[in-house]
Protein backbone atom coordinates (compact mmCIF):
# COMPACT_ATOMS: atom_id res chain seq x y z
CA MET A 1 12.86 5.03 8.93
CA GLY A 2 12.75 6.31 12.35
CA ARG A 3 9.22 6.59 14.65
CA GLY A 4 7.35 4.87 11.96
CA ASP A 5 9.15 1.40 12.35
CA GLY A 6 6.71 0.14 15.42
CA ALA A 7 6.12 -3.63 14.94
CA GLN A 8 2.41 -3.43 14.28
CA PRO A 9 1.32 -6.44 12.11
CA VAL A 10 0.17 -5.54 8.67
CA ASP A 11 -3.18 -6.38 7.54
CA LYS A 12 -3.09 -9.66 7.07
CA ALA A 13 -5.98 -10.25 5.42
CA ALA A 14 -5.40 -7.40 2.86
CA LEU A 15 -2.23 -9.48 1.97
CA LYS A 16 -3.76 -12.34 1.70
CA LYS A 17 -5.97 -11.04 -1.32
CA VAL A 18 -2.58 -10.06 -2.67
CA HIS A 19 -0.79 -13.62 -2.44
CA GLU A 20 -4.27 -14.97 -3.88
CA LEU A 21 -4.51 -12.69 -6.91
CA ILE A 22 -0.76 -13.27 -7.82
CA ASP A 23 -1.87 -17.03 -7.75
CA GLU A 24 -5.01 -16.22 -9.67
CA ILE A 25 -2.63 -14.58 -12.76
CA GLY A 26 -0.85 -17.94 -12.32
CA LEU A 27 -3.40 -20.29 -13.11
CA ALA A 28 -5.30 -18.12 -15.27
CA PRO A 29 -6.75 -19.62 -18.31
CA SER A 30 -6.12 -17.47 -20.71
CA GLY A 31 -4.54 -13.54 -21.45
CA LEU A 32 -7.44 -11.83 -20.49
CA ALA A 33 -8.50 -13.18 -17.38
CA ALA A 34 -4.82 -13.12 -16.35
CA LEU A 35 -5.42 -9.42 -16.85
CA ALA A 36 -8.12 -9.30 -15.45
CA ALA A 37 -6.37 -10.63 -12.07
CA SER A 38 -3.81 -8.27 -12.48
CA ARG A 39 -5.91 -5.15 -12.41
CA ARG A 40 -7.81 -6.27 -9.33
CA LEU A 41 -4.07 -7.14 -7.99
CA ARG A 42 -3.37 -3.62 -8.89
CA GLU A 43 -6.41 -2.40 -6.54
CA ALA A 44 -5.65 -4.58 -3.78
CA ALA A 45 -1.74 -3.54 -3.91
CA GLU A 46 -3.09 0.31 -3.83
CA ALA A 47 -5.24 -0.60 -0.47
CA LEU A 48 -2.90 -2.21 1.21
CA GLU A 49 0.05 0.33 -0.09
CA LEU A 50 -2.91 3.23 1.66
CA THR A 51 -3.65 1.18 4.79
CA MET A 52 0.01 1.14 5.30
CA VAL A 53 0.92 4.34 4.84
CA ALA A 54 -1.88 5.49 6.89
CA GLN A 55 -0.74 2.80 9.67
CA VAL A 56 3.15 4.53 9.77
CA ARG A 57 1.58 7.87 10.14
CA ALA A 58 -0.42 6.94 13.26
CA GLN A 59 2.71 5.73 14.20
CA GLY A 60 4.58 8.81 13.69
CA ALA A 61 6.55 8.89 10.27
CA THR A 62 6.86 11.87 9.03
CA TRP A 63 5.74 12.79 5.20
CA THR A 64 9.57 13.21 4.81
CA GLU A 65 10.63 10.28 5.88
CA ILE A 66 7.69 8.60 3.91
CA GLY A 67 8.26 10.80 0.99
CA THR A 68 12.22 9.29 1.16
CA VAL A 69 10.47 5.55 1.13
CA TYR A 70 8.87 6.98 -2.66
CA GLY A 71 12.03 9.06 -3.65
CA THR A 72 10.16 12.25 -3.57
CA SER A 73 9.53 15.04 -1.16
CA LYS A 74 7.82 15.60 1.94
CA GLN A 75 5.06 17.38 -0.79
CA GLY A 76 5.08 14.75 -3.25
CA ALA A 77 3.90 12.29 -0.69
CA GLN A 78 1.42 14.55 1.08
CA GLN A 79 0.23 14.82 -2.15
CA ARG A 80 -0.26 11.09 -3.21
CA PHE A 81 -1.46 10.19 0.44
CA ARG A 82 -3.02 13.10 2.36
CA ALA A 83 -6.27 11.84 1.50
CA ALA A 84 -6.00 8.65 2.35
CA VAL A 85 -5.31 9.21 5.57
CA ARG A 86 -7.18 12.72 6.48
CA GLY A 87 -8.04 13.38 10.01
CA LYS A 88 -4.70 11.62 11.42
CA PRO A 89 -1.62 13.41 12.67
């Protein structure tokens, strides 16, 4: 990828939360507890993903480049993520 490859660090707190939730799933005392932790993991991963999209957009990545990462078109990437980066260039 081009301009979105800036060496800006990942949100360490968000990444830590994802790791903690993975551990929580493995330590869950029941299937329902593991399912609940899996739901929280999905939500945390989605939040991290949106943060990363906003970050690479701020660094200059195009919607076409982001679409390529997801195997979709520029328009598909915009539809999926535009609200997350509203107000960004």
